[in-house]
Amino acid sequence: MTSALDYNVDQTSEMFLKLSGQIIYRWNSSGKICKFSQRTLPKIGYSDYLKRLLLYSDCSIQCYAIVLIYLDRFTTKNEHLWLDQASLYTLTLVLLVICIKFWDDHKYQNKYFAKLGGISLRLLNEMELEVLELLNYDLFVSEDLIFRYMKYFS
């Protein structure tokens, strides 16, 4: 697998931001309230947050494509939920952690990812389980679909 660091961090995070924004915009049009709503918006912008995850998660670039697939899958299966801007940070982190565990040889524990994402370990663990349940543990993604999403990052 290709390392995420082999790609331009700014370009990759901007493309991820654009694609995730399209998914979230479509999803939020239903206007429901999200159970993942966070109390405060992080002090770092979402684009900078993505760059931070890209630099320090040590995941493959395929994981970014898979996280987008998971985000799309999550929003499709959970149209009754609404994601606010602050919750998007946490959901992105949780989907990345799930992806790294399922697809990459993950090197770090949840404690590392919680610190990286600026949330408590307890919240990360709780949300990881809840997101897995809301996805119905549907984590497999075909190689063809991964490569279709990866074309946006090259």
N, C-alpha and C. Protein backbone atom coordinates (compact mmCIF):
# COMPACT_ATOMS: atom_id res chain seq x y z
N MET A 1 0.84 -1.18 0.00
CA MET A 1 0.00 0.00 0.00
C MET A 1 0.88 1.24 0.00
N THR A 2 0.40 2.26 -0.64
CA THR A 2 1.13 3.51 -0.72
C THR A 2 0.92 4.31 0.55
N SER A 3 1.99 4.88 1.06
CA SER A 3 1.89 5.71 2.26
C SER A 3 1.19 7.02 1.94
N ALA A 4 0.44 7.50 2.90
CA ALA A 4 -0.24 8.79 2.72
C ALA A 4 0.76 9.90 2.56
N LEU A 5 1.96 9.74 3.13
CA LEU A 5 2.97 10.78 3.04
C LEU A 5 3.59 10.88 1.65
N ASP A 6 3.35 9.88 0.79
CA ASP A 6 3.84 9.92 -0.58
C ASP A 6 3.04 10.92 -1.43
N TYR A 7 1.94 11.40 -0.90
CA TYR A 7 1.08 12.33 -1.60
C TYR A 7 1.22 13.72 -0.99
N ASN A 8 0.91 14.73 -1.76
CA ASN A 8 0.94 16.10 -1.27
C ASN A 8 -0.13 16.25 -0.19
N VAL A 9 0.30 16.61 1.02
CA VAL A 9 -0.61 16.70 2.16
C VAL A 9 -1.70 17.73 1.90
N ASP A 10 -1.32 18.89 1.40
CA ASP A 10 -2.32 19.94 1.16
C ASP A 10 -3.34 19.50 0.12
N GLN A 11 -2.86 18.94 -0.98
CA GLN A 11 -3.74 18.51 -2.06
C GLN A 11 -4.66 17.37 -1.60
N THR A 12 -4.10 16.43 -0.87
CA THR A 12 -4.89 15.29 -0.40
C THR A 12 -5.96 15.73 0.58
N SER A 13 -5.60 16.59 1.53
CA SER A 13 -6.59 17.02 2.52
C SER A 13 -7.65 17.90 1.87
N GLU A 14 -7.29 18.71 0.89
CA GLU A 14 -8.28 19.54 0.20
C GLU A 14 -9.26 18.68 -0.59
N MET A 15 -8.76 17.63 -1.24
CA MET A 15 -9.65 16.75 -1.99
C MET A 15 -10.55 15.98 -1.04
N PHE A 16 -9.99 15.52 0.08
CA PHE A 16 -10.81 14.83 1.07
C PHE A 16 -11.89 15.77 1.60
N LEU A 17 -11.51 17.00 1.87
CA LEU A 17 -12.45 18.01 2.37
C LEU A 17 -13.57 18.24 1.37
N LYS A 18 -13.24 18.35 0.11
CA LYS A 18 -14.24 18.58 -0.93
C LYS A 18 -15.21 17.40 -1.03
N LEU A 19 -14.66 16.19 -1.07
CA LEU A 19 -15.51 15.01 -1.22
C LEU A 19 -16.36 14.76 0.02
N SER A 20 -15.77 14.90 1.20
CA SER A 20 -16.55 14.70 2.42
C SER A 20 -17.62 15.77 2.55
N GLY A 21 -17.31 16.98 2.13
CA GLY A 21 -18.30 18.06 2.16
C GLY A 21 -19.51 17.75 1.30
N GLN A 22 -19.28 17.16 0.14
CA GLN A 22 -20.39 16.78 -0.74
C GLN A 22 -21.27 15.72 -0.08
N ILE A 23 -20.63 14.77 0.59
CA ILE A 23 -21.39 13.71 1.28
C ILE A 23 -22.20 14.31 2.41
N ILE A 24 -21.58 15.15 3.22
CA ILE A 24 -22.24 15.74 4.38
C ILE A 24 -23.36 16.68 3.95
N TYR A 25 -23.14 17.47 2.90
CA TYR A 25 -24.17 18.39 2.43
C TYR A 25 -25.42 17.60 2.01
N ARG A 26 -25.22 16.53 1.28
CA ARG A 26 -26.34 15.70 0.84
C ARG A 26 -27.06 15.10 2.04
N TRP A 27 -26.30 14.65 3.02
CA TRP A 27 -26.86 14.00 4.19
C TRP A 27 -27.62 14.99 5.07
N ASN A 28 -27.05 16.15 5.30
CA ASN A 28 -27.65 17.13 6.20
C ASN A 28 -28.92 17.76 5.67
N SER A 29 -29.23 17.53 4.44
CA SER A 29 -30.44 18.14 3.88
C SER A 29 -31.69 17.60 4.56
N SER A 30 -31.57 16.47 5.27
CA SER A 30 -32.73 15.92 5.98
C SER A 30 -33.03 16.69 7.26
N GLY A 31 -32.03 17.40 7.82
CA GLY A 31 -32.23 18.27 8.95
C GLY A 31 -32.52 17.61 10.28
N LYS A 32 -32.14 16.36 10.46
CA LYS A 32 -32.36 15.67 11.73
C LYS A 32 -31.22 16.00 12.71
N ILE A 33 -31.42 15.70 13.97
CA ILE A 33 -30.40 15.98 14.98
C ILE A 33 -29.48 14.77 15.15
N CYS A 34 -28.20 15.04 15.26
CA CYS A 34 -27.20 13.97 15.35
C CYS A 34 -26.87 13.64 16.79
N LYS A 35 -26.83 12.37 17.10
CA LYS A 35 -26.48 11.94 18.45
C LYS A 35 -25.00 12.14 18.74
N PHE A 36 -24.19 12.43 17.72
CA PHE A 36 -22.76 12.63 17.93
C PHE A 36 -22.41 14.09 18.16
N SER A 37 -23.38 14.94 18.28
CA SER A 37 -23.14 16.37 18.40
C SER A 37 -22.17 16.67 19.54
N GLN A 38 -21.14 17.40 19.22
CA GLN A 38 -20.14 17.81 20.21
C GLN A 38 -20.53 19.16 20.80
N ARG A 39 -20.05 19.43 22.00
CA ARG A 39 -20.41 20.68 22.66
C ARG A 39 -19.72 21.89 22.06
N THR A 40 -18.47 21.73 21.66
CA THR A 40 -17.72 22.87 21.16
C THR A 40 -17.02 22.51 19.85
N LEU A 41 -16.86 23.50 19.03
CA LEU A 41 -16.12 23.35 17.78
C LEU A 41 -14.63 23.40 18.10
N PRO A 42 -13.85 22.45 17.62
CA PRO A 42 -12.40 22.50 17.87
C PRO A 42 -11.79 23.81 17.37
N LYS A 43 -10.69 24.20 17.98
CA LYS A 43 -10.04 25.47 17.63
C LYS A 43 -9.30 25.39 16.29
N ILE A 44 -9.03 24.19 15.83
CA ILE A 44 -8.34 23.99 14.56
C ILE A 44 -9.39 23.83 13.45
N GLY A 45 -9.13 24.38 12.29
CA GLY A 45 -10.05 24.23 11.17
C GLY A 45 -10.07 22.80 10.66
N TYR A 46 -11.15 22.42 10.02
CA TYR A 46 -11.29 21.04 9.56
C TYR A 46 -10.20 20.67 8.56
N SER A 47 -9.84 21.58 7.68
CA SER A 47 -8.78 21.30 6.71
C SER A 47 -7.45 21.04 7.42
N ASP A 48 -7.13 21.84 8.43
CA ASP A 48 -5.90 21.63 9.19
C ASP A 48 -5.98 20.35 10.00
N TYR A 49 -7.16 20.02 10.48
CA TYR A 49 -7.37 18.79 11.22
C TYR A 49 -7.08 17.58 10.32
N LEU A 50 -7.58 17.63 9.10
CA LEU A 50 -7.31 16.55 8.14
C LEU A 50 -5.82 16.42 7.86
N LYS A 51 -5.14 17.55 7.71
CA LYS A 51 -3.70 17.53 7.47
C LYS A 51 -2.98 16.88 8.64
N ARG A 52 -3.42 17.22 9.85
CA ARG A 52 -2.83 16.63 11.06
C ARG A 52 -3.02 15.11 11.06
N LEU A 53 -4.22 14.66 10.75
CA LEU A 53 -4.47 13.21 10.70
C LEU A 53 -3.62 12.55 9.63
N LEU A 54 -3.51 13.20 8.49
CA LEU A 54 -2.73 12.66 7.37
C LEU A 54 -1.26 12.52 7.75
N LEU A 55 -0.73 13.53 8.43
CA LEU A 55 0.69 13.51 8.78
C LEU A 55 1.03 12.52 9.89
N TYR A 56 0.14 12.36 10.86
CA TYR A 56 0.50 11.62 12.06
C TYR A 56 -0.20 10.28 12.25
N SER A 57 -1.12 9.92 11.37
CA SER A 57 -1.79 8.63 11.54
C SER A 57 -0.99 7.49 10.96
N ASP A 58 -0.06 7.80 10.07
CA ASP A 58 0.80 6.79 9.45
C ASP A 58 -0.01 5.71 8.74
N CYS A 59 -1.05 6.15 8.06
CA CYS A 59 -1.88 5.19 7.34
C CYS A 59 -1.58 5.26 5.85
N SER A 60 -2.10 4.30 5.15
CA SER A 60 -1.94 4.28 3.70
C SER A 60 -2.91 5.29 3.07
N ILE A 61 -2.61 5.72 1.87
CA ILE A 61 -3.51 6.63 1.16
C ILE A 61 -4.83 5.92 0.86
N GLN A 62 -4.79 4.61 0.75
CA GLN A 62 -6.01 3.86 0.52
C GLN A 62 -7.00 4.08 1.67
N CYS A 63 -6.48 4.28 2.87
CA CYS A 63 -7.36 4.52 4.02
C CYS A 63 -8.19 5.78 3.82
N TYR A 64 -7.63 6.80 3.21
CA TYR A 64 -8.41 8.02 3.00
C TYR A 64 -9.56 7.77 2.04
N ALA A 65 -9.30 6.98 1.02
CA ALA A 65 -10.39 6.61 0.11
C ALA A 65 -11.43 5.78 0.85
N ILE A 66 -10.99 4.85 1.68
CA ILE A 66 -11.91 3.99 2.41
C ILE A 66 -12.70 4.78 3.44
N VAL A 67 -12.06 5.75 4.10
CA VAL A 67 -12.79 6.59 5.06
C VAL A 67 -13.91 7.33 4.36
N LEU A 68 -13.66 7.83 3.15
CA LEU A 68 -14.73 8.49 2.39
C LEU A 68 -15.85 7.50 2.05
N ILE A 69 -15.47 6.29 1.70
CA ILE A 69 -16.47 5.26 1.40
C ILE A 69 -17.28 4.96 2.67
N TYR A 70 -16.59 4.83 3.79
CA TYR A 70 -17.29 4.60 5.06
C TYR A 70 -18.20 5.77 5.41
N LEU A 71 -17.73 6.99 5.18
CA LEU A 71 -18.54 8.17 5.47
C LEU A 71 -19.80 8.17 4.61
N ASP A 72 -19.64 7.84 3.36
CA ASP A 72 -20.79 7.75 2.46
C ASP A 72 -21.73 6.63 2.92
N ARG A 73 -21.17 5.50 3.26
CA ARG A 73 -21.96 4.35 3.73
C ARG A 73 -22.68 4.70 5.03
N PHE A 74 -21.98 5.36 5.93
CA PHE A 74 -22.55 5.75 7.22
C PHE A 74 -23.73 6.70 7.04
N THR A 75 -23.57 7.69 6.18
CA THR A 75 -24.63 8.67 5.97
C THR A 75 -25.83 8.05 5.26
N THR A 76 -25.57 7.10 4.37
CA THR A 76 -26.66 6.43 3.67
C THR A 76 -27.47 5.56 4.62
N LYS A 77 -26.77 4.85 5.51
CA LYS A 77 -27.45 3.94 6.45
C LYS A 77 -28.11 4.68 7.61
N ASN A 78 -27.73 5.92 7.84
CA ASN A 78 -28.19 6.64 9.02
C ASN A 78 -28.77 8.01 8.64
N GLU A 79 -29.66 8.01 7.68
CA GLU A 79 -30.25 9.27 7.22
C GLU A 79 -31.03 9.98 8.32
N HIS A 80 -31.39 9.25 9.38
CA HIS A 80 -32.14 9.83 10.48
C HIS A 80 -31.25 10.70 11.38
N LEU A 81 -29.93 10.64 11.21
CA LEU A 81 -29.01 11.44 12.00
C LEU A 81 -28.61 12.69 11.24
N TRP A 82 -28.19 13.70 11.98
CA TRP A 82 -27.68 14.93 11.36
C TRP A 82 -26.35 15.24 11.99
N LEU A 83 -25.36 15.54 11.17
CA LEU A 83 -24.00 15.78 11.64
C LEU A 83 -23.72 17.28 11.62
N ASP A 84 -23.38 17.84 12.79
CA ASP A 84 -22.99 19.25 12.80
C ASP A 84 -21.49 19.34 12.51
N GLN A 85 -21.01 20.55 12.36
CA GLN A 85 -19.63 20.75 11.95
C GLN A 85 -18.64 20.17 12.97
N ALA A 86 -18.92 20.35 14.25
CA ALA A 86 -18.01 19.84 15.28
C ALA A 86 -17.99 18.31 15.29
N SER A 87 -19.12 17.68 15.05
CA SER A 87 -19.20 16.22 15.06
C SER A 87 -18.44 15.60 13.90
N LEU A 88 -18.33 16.34 12.81
CA LEU A 88 -17.61 15.83 11.64
C LEU A 88 -16.16 15.50 11.99
N TYR A 89 -15.54 16.30 12.84
CA TYR A 89 -14.16 16.04 13.26
C TYR A 89 -14.07 14.65 13.89
N THR A 90 -14.92 14.43 14.88
CA THR A 90 -14.87 13.18 15.63
C THR A 90 -15.22 11.99 14.75
N LEU A 91 -16.24 12.13 13.93
CA LEU A 91 -16.63 11.03 13.05
C LEU A 91 -15.51 10.69 12.07
N THR A 92 -14.85 11.70 11.53
CA THR A 92 -13.73 11.45 10.62
C THR A 92 -12.62 10.68 11.33
N LEU A 93 -12.29 11.10 12.54
CA LEU A 93 -11.26 10.41 13.32
C LEU A 93 -11.66 8.96 13.58
N VAL A 94 -12.89 8.75 14.02
CA VAL A 94 -13.35 7.40 14.34
C VAL A 94 -13.33 6.51 13.10
N LEU A 95 -13.80 7.03 11.98
CA LEU A 95 -13.79 6.24 10.75
C LEU A 95 -12.36 5.92 10.32
N LEU A 96 -11.44 6.86 10.53
CA LEU A 96 -10.04 6.61 10.20
C LEU A 96 -9.46 5.51 11.10
N VAL A 97 -9.75 5.56 12.38
CA VAL A 97 -9.26 4.54 13.31
C VAL A 97 -9.80 3.17 12.92
N ILE A 98 -11.08 3.10 12.63
CA ILE A 98 -11.70 1.84 12.21
C ILE A 98 -11.03 1.32 10.94
N CYS A 99 -10.81 2.21 10.00
CA CYS A 99 -10.19 1.83 8.73
C CYS A 99 -8.77 1.31 8.93
N ILE A 100 -8.00 2.02 9.73
CA ILE A 100 -6.61 1.61 9.96
C ILE A 100 -6.57 0.23 10.63
N LYS A 101 -7.46 0.00 11.57
CA LYS A 101 -7.49 -1.29 12.24
C LYS A 101 -7.89 -2.42 11.29
N PHE A 102 -8.83 -2.13 10.40
CA PHE A 102 -9.34 -3.17 9.51
C PHE A 102 -8.45 -3.39 8.29
N TRP A 103 -7.86 -2.32 7.76
CA TRP A 103 -7.15 -2.41 6.48
C TRP A 103 -5.63 -2.33 6.57
N ASP A 104 -5.10 -1.55 7.51
CA ASP A 104 -3.65 -1.39 7.63
C ASP A 104 -3.15 -2.17 8.84
N ASP A 105 -1.87 -2.39 8.87
CA ASP A 105 -1.25 -2.92 10.10
C ASP A 105 -1.10 -1.73 11.04
N HIS A 106 -2.08 -1.55 11.91
CA HIS A 106 -2.04 -0.36 12.75
C HIS A 106 -0.99 -0.49 13.83
N LYS A 107 -0.27 0.61 14.04
CA LYS A 107 0.85 0.62 14.97
C LYS A 107 0.50 1.26 16.30
N TYR A 108 -0.56 2.01 16.32
CA TYR A 108 -0.86 2.82 17.49
C TYR A 108 -2.12 2.33 18.19
N GLN A 109 -2.19 2.61 19.48
CA GLN A 109 -3.37 2.29 20.26
C GLN A 109 -4.36 3.45 20.17
N ASN A 110 -5.57 3.21 20.62
CA ASN A 110 -6.59 4.26 20.62
C ASN A 110 -6.16 5.48 21.42
N LYS A 111 -5.35 5.27 22.44
CA LYS A 111 -4.87 6.39 23.26
C LYS A 111 -4.12 7.40 22.37
N TYR A 112 -3.31 6.91 21.45
CA TYR A 112 -2.57 7.78 20.53
C TYR A 112 -3.54 8.55 19.62
N PHE A 113 -4.51 7.84 19.06
CA PHE A 113 -5.46 8.48 18.15
C PHE A 113 -6.35 9.48 18.87
N ALA A 114 -6.71 9.18 20.11
CA ALA A 114 -7.51 10.13 20.89
C ALA A 114 -6.74 11.43 21.08
N LYS A 115 -5.48 11.31 21.43
CA LYS A 115 -4.64 12.51 21.60
C LYS A 115 -4.48 13.25 20.27
N LEU A 116 -4.23 12.50 19.20
CA LEU A 116 -4.09 13.09 17.86
C LEU A 116 -5.36 13.84 17.46
N GLY A 117 -6.51 13.28 17.78
CA GLY A 117 -7.78 13.88 17.40
C GLY A 117 -8.33 14.89 18.38
N GLY A 118 -7.68 15.03 19.54
CA GLY A 118 -8.11 16.02 20.51
C GLY A 118 -9.38 15.66 21.27
N ILE A 119 -9.61 14.35 21.45
CA ILE A 119 -10.79 13.91 22.21
C ILE A 119 -10.32 12.94 23.30
N SER A 120 -11.20 12.64 24.21
CA SER A 120 -10.84 11.70 25.28
C SER A 120 -10.81 10.28 24.73
N LEU A 121 -10.02 9.46 25.38
CA LEU A 121 -9.96 8.04 25.01
C LEU A 121 -11.33 7.40 25.19
N ARG A 122 -12.00 7.75 26.24
CA ARG A 122 -13.33 7.19 26.50
C ARG A 122 -14.30 7.51 25.36
N LEU A 123 -14.31 8.78 24.91
CA LEU A 123 -15.20 9.16 23.81
C LEU A 123 -14.83 8.41 22.54
N LEU A 124 -13.55 8.30 22.24
CA LEU A 124 -13.13 7.57 21.04
C LEU A 124 -13.60 6.12 21.11
N ASN A 125 -13.40 5.47 22.24
CA ASN A 125 -13.81 4.07 22.37
C ASN A 125 -15.32 3.91 22.24
N GLU A 126 -16.08 4.80 22.88
CA GLU A 126 -17.54 4.74 22.80
C GLU A 126 -18.03 4.97 21.38
N MET A 127 -17.45 5.97 20.73
CA MET A 127 -17.89 6.30 19.37
C MET A 127 -17.47 5.23 18.38
N GLU A 128 -16.30 4.62 18.59
CA GLU A 128 -15.86 3.56 17.70
C GLU A 128 -16.88 2.41 17.71
N LEU A 129 -17.30 2.01 18.89
CA LEU A 129 -18.28 0.93 19.00
C LEU A 129 -19.62 1.36 18.39
N GLU A 130 -20.05 2.57 18.68
CA GLU A 130 -21.33 3.04 18.15
C GLU A 130 -21.32 3.16 16.63
N VAL A 131 -20.24 3.67 16.08
CA VAL A 131 -20.14 3.80 14.62
C VAL A 131 -20.11 2.41 13.97
N LEU A 132 -19.37 1.48 14.56
CA LEU A 132 -19.37 0.12 14.03
C LEU A 132 -20.78 -0.47 14.02
N GLU A 133 -21.52 -0.25 15.09
CA GLU A 133 -22.89 -0.75 15.14
C GLU A 133 -23.78 -0.07 14.11
N LEU A 134 -23.62 1.25 13.96
CA LEU A 134 -24.43 1.98 12.98
C LEU A 134 -24.08 1.61 11.54
N LEU A 135 -22.85 1.14 11.35
CA LEU A 135 -22.44 0.62 10.03
C LEU A 135 -22.82 -0.85 9.87
N ASN A 136 -23.39 -1.43 10.90
CA ASN A 136 -23.69 -2.87 10.91
C ASN A 136 -22.44 -3.70 10.65
N TYR A 137 -21.30 -3.19 11.12
CA TYR A 137 -20.00 -3.84 10.95
C TYR A 137 -19.69 -4.14 9.48
N ASP A 138 -20.25 -3.36 8.60
CA ASP A 138 -20.06 -3.51 7.16
C ASP A 138 -18.80 -2.74 6.75
N LEU A 139 -17.65 -3.39 6.88
CA LEU A 139 -16.36 -2.72 6.65
C LEU A 139 -15.67 -3.14 5.35
N PHE A 140 -16.11 -4.21 4.75
CA PHE A 140 -15.46 -4.64 3.51
C PHE A 140 -15.76 -3.65 2.38
N VAL A 141 -14.73 -3.36 1.60
CA VAL A 141 -14.86 -2.50 0.43
C VAL A 141 -14.11 -3.19 -0.71
N SER A 142 -14.73 -3.27 -1.85
CA SER A 142 -14.06 -3.93 -2.98
C SER A 142 -12.86 -3.11 -3.44
N GLU A 143 -11.89 -3.81 -3.97
CA GLU A 143 -10.68 -3.17 -4.47
C GLU A 143 -11.03 -2.18 -5.59
N ASP A 144 -11.97 -2.54 -6.42
CA ASP A 144 -12.39 -1.67 -7.52
C ASP A 144 -12.93 -0.34 -7.00
N LEU A 145 -13.74 -0.39 -5.96
CA LEU A 145 -14.30 0.83 -5.39
C LEU A 145 -13.22 1.68 -4.74
N ILE A 146 -12.29 1.04 -4.06
CA ILE A 146 -11.17 1.79 -3.46
C ILE A 146 -10.41 2.55 -4.53
N PHE A 147 -10.11 1.89 -5.63
CA PHE A 147 -9.35 2.55 -6.69
C PHE A 147 -10.14 3.65 -7.38
N ARG A 148 -11.46 3.50 -7.45
CA ARG A 148 -12.27 4.58 -8.02
C ARG A 148 -12.21 5.84 -7.15
N TYR A 149 -12.18 5.66 -5.85
CA TYR A 149 -12.06 6.80 -4.94
C TYR A 149 -10.63 7.35 -4.92
N MET A 150 -9.65 6.47 -5.04
CA MET A 150 -8.25 6.90 -4.98
C MET A 150 -7.86 7.79 -6.15
N LYS A 151 -8.55 7.70 -7.26
CA LYS A 151 -8.20 8.53 -8.41
C LYS A 151 -8.28 10.02 -8.07
N TYR A 152 -9.08 10.36 -7.07
CA TYR A 152 -9.20 11.76 -6.66
C TYR A 152 -7.97 12.25 -5.93
N PHE A 153 -7.16 11.35 -5.39
CA PHE A 153 -5.99 11.74 -4.62
C PHE A 153 -4.70 11.71 -5.42
N SER A 154 -4.74 11.28 -6.66
CA SER A 154 -3.50 11.20 -7.44
C SER A 154 -3.34 12.35 -8.40
